[in-house]
Amino acid sequence: VQLQASGGGLVQPGGSLRLSCATSGFPLEHYAIGWFRQAPGKAREGVSCISTSDGSTYYADSVKGRFTASGDNAKNTVYLQMNTLKLEDTAVYSCAARYGSAWCLLPAAEWDYYDMDYWGKGTLVTVSS
């Protein structure tokens, strides 16, 4: 099983980035993929959840309207399009998988990274002028 986030980088405030989460070794269509981030000195937080079976998406209030999650089951890849980036979006972003999607219905603050079934290494997003 592998999950690998990529696409991070340095971007100015107001800019955009698209992260990818490439997966392998498990049936993506039966799992929901969560995007989590951890800023320096802060706790990890859930950002987005996507149910790959039906494409339903859920977001933390802090990114709602700016971030969009999507998936391509044929490519076993999930994406996170991040627009109108802010300084406070600076963090290491990682993706994780959990069987089923009921957990996505919980508030983002209750998405527990350690309840996930599979985890991937993160990618650094730096928003700076």
C-alpha atoms as a PDB file:
ATOM      1  CA  VAL A   1       0.000   0.000   0.000  1.00  0.00           C
ATOM      2  CA  GLN A   2       1.301   3.421  -0.909  1.00  0.00           C
ATOM      3  CA  LEU A   3       0.082   6.984  -0.813  1.00  0.00           C
ATOM      4  CA  GLN A   4       2.340   9.739  -2.014  1.00  0.00           C
ATOM      5  CA  ALA A   5       1.471  13.411  -1.929  1.00  0.00           C
ATOM      6  CA  SER A   6       3.187  15.734  -4.373  1.00  0.00           C
ATOM      7  CA  GLY A   7       2.826  19.160  -5.901  1.00  0.00           C
ATOM      8  CA  GLY A   8       3.844  21.341  -3.030  1.00  0.00           C
ATOM      9  CA  GLY A   9       6.062  24.356  -3.423  1.00  0.00           C
ATOM     10  CA  LEU A  10       6.492  28.050  -2.829  1.00  0.00           C
ATOM     11  CA  VAL A  11       3.646  30.323  -3.859  1.00  0.00           C
ATOM     12  CA  GLN A  12       2.708  33.918  -3.198  1.00  0.00           C
ATOM     13  CA  PRO A  13      -0.400  34.862  -1.276  1.00  0.00           C
ATOM     14  CA  GLY A  14      -3.399  34.699  -3.562  1.00  0.00           C
ATOM     15  CA  GLY A  15      -1.755  32.079  -5.722  1.00  0.00           C
ATOM     16  CA  SER A  16      -2.743  28.511  -6.492  1.00  0.00           C
ATOM     17  CA  LEU A  17      -1.295  25.034  -6.272  1.00  0.00           C
ATOM     18  CA  ARG A  18      -2.633  21.606  -7.089  1.00  0.00           C
ATOM     19  CA  LEU A  19      -1.583  18.714  -4.908  1.00  0.00           C
ATOM     20  CA  SER A  20      -1.775  15.112  -6.024  1.00  0.00           C
ATOM     21  CA  CYS A  21      -2.100  11.976  -3.938  1.00  0.00           C
ATOM     22  CA  ALA A  22      -1.074   8.907  -5.885  1.00  0.00           C
ATOM     23  CA  THR A  23      -2.289   5.672  -4.367  1.00  0.00           C
ATOM     24  CA  SER A  24      -1.624   2.002  -4.941  1.00  0.00           C
ATOM     25  CA  GLY A  25      -2.177  -1.334  -3.302  1.00  0.00           C
ATOM     26  CA  PHE A  26      -5.791  -0.913  -2.225  1.00  0.00           C
ATOM     27  CA  PRO A  27      -9.157  -0.421  -3.943  1.00  0.00           C
ATOM     28  CA  LEU A  28      -9.454   3.337  -3.947  1.00  0.00           C
ATOM     29  CA  GLU A  29     -13.165   3.258  -4.767  1.00  0.00           C
ATOM     30  CA  HIS A  30     -13.918   1.732  -1.355  1.00  0.00           C
ATOM     31  CA  TYR A  31     -12.006   4.362   0.583  1.00  0.00           C
ATOM     32  CA  ALA A  32     -12.320   8.022   1.368  1.00  0.00           C
ATOM     33  CA  ILE A  33      -9.190  10.100   1.122  1.00  0.00           C
ATOM     34  CA  GLY A  34      -8.464  12.769   3.647  1.00  0.00           C
ATOM     35  CA  TRP A  35      -6.103  15.654   3.187  1.00  0.00           C
ATOM     36  CA  PHE A  36      -4.433  16.774   6.390  1.00  0.00           C
ATOM     37  CA  ARG A  37      -1.940  19.514   7.071  1.00  0.00           C
ATOM     38  CA  GLN A  38       0.442  20.402   9.823  1.00  0.00           C
ATOM     39  CA  ALA A  39       1.880  23.865  10.151  1.00  0.00           C
ATOM     40  CA  PRO A  40       5.082  24.480  12.118  1.00  0.00           C
ATOM     41  CA  GLY A  41       4.384  24.348  15.826  1.00  0.00           C
ATOM     42  CA  LYS A  42       0.740  23.471  15.339  1.00  0.00           C
ATOM     43  CA  ALA A  43      -1.351  20.344  15.568  1.00  0.00           C
ATOM     44  CA  ARG A  44      -2.276  18.430  12.449  1.00  0.00           C
ATOM     45  CA  GLU A  45      -5.706  19.320  11.111  1.00  0.00           C
ATOM     46  CA  GLY A  46      -8.077  17.852   8.590  1.00  0.00           C
ATOM     47  CA  VAL A  47      -8.541  19.917   5.464  1.00  0.00           C
ATOM     48  CA  SER A  48     -10.647  17.899   3.077  1.00  0.00           C
ATOM     49  CA  CYS A  49     -12.276  14.529   2.635  1.00  0.00           C
ATOM     50  CA  ILE A  50     -13.364  13.006  -0.636  1.00  0.00           C
ATOM     51  CA  SER A  51     -15.461   9.913  -1.060  1.00  0.00           C
ATOM     52  CA  THR A  52     -13.979   8.312  -4.150  1.00  0.00           C
ATOM     53  CA  SER A  53     -17.040   6.123  -4.650  1.00  0.00           C
ATOM     54  CA  ASP A  54     -19.390   8.996  -5.398  1.00  0.00           C
ATOM     55  CA  GLY A  55     -17.164  12.062  -5.492  1.00  0.00           C
ATOM     56  CA  SER A  56     -18.708  13.714  -2.433  1.00  0.00           C
ATOM     57  CA  THR A  57     -16.395  16.257  -0.888  1.00  0.00           C
ATOM     58  CA  TYR A  58     -16.177  17.830   2.531  1.00  0.00           C
ATOM     59  CA  TYR A  59     -14.002  20.666   3.779  1.00  0.00           C
ATOM     60  CA  ALA A  60     -12.784  22.388   6.885  1.00  0.00           C
ATOM     61  CA  ASP A  61     -14.305  25.833   7.287  1.00  0.00           C
ATOM     62  CA  SER A  62     -10.861  27.404   6.953  1.00  0.00           C
ATOM     63  CA  VAL A  63     -10.537  26.246   3.339  1.00  0.00           C
ATOM     64  CA  LYS A  64     -14.138  26.032   2.187  1.00  0.00           C
ATOM     65  CA  GLY A  65     -14.629  27.966  -1.026  1.00  0.00           C
ATOM     66  CA  ARG A  66     -10.894  28.030  -1.757  1.00  0.00           C
ATOM     67  CA  PHE A  67      -9.899  24.361  -1.916  1.00  0.00           C
ATOM     68  CA  THR A  68     -11.434  21.708  -4.126  1.00  0.00           C
ATOM     69  CA  ALA A  69     -10.822  17.985  -3.853  1.00  0.00           C
ATOM     70  CA  SER A  70     -11.320  15.661  -6.779  1.00  0.00           C
ATOM     71  CA  GLY A  71     -10.427  12.138  -7.744  1.00  0.00           C
ATOM     72  CA  ASP A  72      -9.583  10.014 -10.734  1.00  0.00           C
ATOM     73  CA  ASN A  73     -10.166   6.385  -9.853  1.00  0.00           C
ATOM     74  CA  ALA A  74      -8.751   5.260 -13.183  1.00  0.00           C
ATOM     75  CA  LYS A  75      -5.447   6.851 -12.221  1.00  0.00           C
ATOM     76  CA  ASN A  76      -5.786   5.954  -8.538  1.00  0.00           C
ATOM     77  CA  THR A  77      -5.099   9.580  -7.774  1.00  0.00           C
ATOM     78  CA  VAL A  78      -6.801  12.238  -5.723  1.00  0.00           C
ATOM     79  CA  TYR A  79      -6.193  15.943  -6.128  1.00  0.00           C
ATOM     80  CA  LEU A  80      -6.482  19.023  -3.980  1.00  0.00           C
ATOM     81  CA  GLN A  81      -6.774  22.257  -5.915  1.00  0.00           C
ATOM     82  CA  MET A  82      -5.840  25.125  -3.639  1.00  0.00           C
ATOM     83  CA  ASN A  83      -6.755  28.638  -4.728  1.00  0.00           C
ATOM     84  CA  THR A  84      -6.474  32.035  -3.083  1.00  0.00           C
ATOM     85  CA  LEU A  85      -3.754  30.722  -0.823  1.00  0.00           C
ATOM     86  CA  LYS A  86      -3.070  32.541   2.409  1.00  0.00           C
ATOM     87  CA  LEU A  87       0.010  32.780   4.592  1.00  0.00           C
ATOM     88  CA  GLU A  88      -1.721  30.561   7.138  1.00  0.00           C
ATOM     89  CA  ASP A  89      -2.050  27.767   4.581  1.00  0.00           C
ATOM     90  CA  THR A  90       1.674  27.133   4.918  1.00  0.00           C
ATOM     91  CA  ALA A  91       2.046  23.556   6.123  1.00  0.00           C
ATOM     92  CA  VAL A  92       3.064  20.043   5.235  1.00  0.00           C
ATOM     93  CA  TYR A  93       0.106  18.480   3.457  1.00  0.00           C
ATOM     94  CA  SER A  94      -0.426  14.753   3.471  1.00  0.00           C
ATOM     95  CA  CYS A  95      -3.095  12.362   2.311  1.00  0.00           C
ATOM     96  CA  ALA A  96      -4.479   9.355   4.113  1.00  0.00           C
ATOM     97  CA  ALA A  97      -7.084   6.708   3.360  1.00  0.00           C
ATOM     98  CA  ARG A  98      -9.811   5.207   5.455  1.00  0.00           C
ATOM     99  CA  TYR A  99     -12.297   2.532   4.463  1.00  0.00           C
ATOM    100  CA  GLY A 100     -15.766   3.888   3.829  1.00  0.00           C
ATOM    101  CA  SER A 101     -16.779   7.524   3.888  1.00  0.00           C
ATOM    102  CA  ALA A 102     -19.045   7.906   6.912  1.00  0.00           C
ATOM    103  CA  TRP A 103     -16.234   9.597   8.792  1.00  0.00           C
ATOM    104  CA  CYS A 104     -16.259  12.424   6.254  1.00  0.00           C
ATOM    105  CA  LEU A 105     -19.666  13.445   7.588  1.00  0.00           C
ATOM    106  CA  LEU A 106     -18.136  14.377  10.917  1.00  0.00           C
ATOM    107  CA  PRO A 107     -16.937  17.941  11.399  1.00  0.00           C
ATOM    108  CA  ALA A 108     -13.417  18.334  10.039  1.00  0.00           C
ATOM    109  CA  ALA A 109     -12.111  18.943  13.544  1.00  0.00           C
ATOM    110  CA  GLU A 110     -13.093  15.365  14.388  1.00  0.00           C
ATOM    111  CA  TRP A 111     -11.239  13.736  11.507  1.00  0.00           C
ATOM    112  CA  ASP A 112      -8.571  11.808  13.359  1.00  0.00           C
ATOM    113  CA  TYR A 113      -5.418  11.285  11.346  1.00  0.00           C
ATOM    114  CA  TYR A 114      -4.532   8.285  13.487  1.00  0.00           C
ATOM    115  CA  ASP A 115      -7.872   6.599  12.764  1.00  0.00           C
ATOM    116  CA  MET A 116      -6.955   6.345   9.094  1.00  0.00           C
ATOM    117  CA  ASP A 117      -6.013   2.999   7.602  1.00  0.00           C
ATOM    118  CA  TYR A 118      -3.157   4.130   5.379  1.00  0.00           C
ATOM    119  CA  TRP A 119      -0.931   7.182   5.413  1.00  0.00           C
ATOM    120  CA  GLY A 120       1.420   8.808   2.983  1.00  0.00           C
ATOM    121  CA  LYS A 121       4.359  11.162   3.228  1.00  0.00           C
ATOM    122  CA  GLY A 122       3.582  14.816   2.932  1.00  0.00           C
ATOM    123  CA  THR A 123       4.487  17.647   0.638  1.00  0.00           C
ATOM    124  CA  LEU A 124       5.440  21.114   1.833  1.00  0.00           C
ATOM    125  CA  VAL A 125       3.360  24.106   0.799  1.00  0.00           C
ATOM    126  CA  THR A 126       4.880  27.477   1.594  1.00  0.00           C
ATOM    127  CA  VAL A 127       2.844  30.618   1.058  1.00  0.00           C
ATOM    128  CA  SER A 128       5.083  33.637   1.250  1.00  0.00           C
ATOM    129  CA  SER A 129       5.616  36.967  -0.412  1.00  0.00           C
END
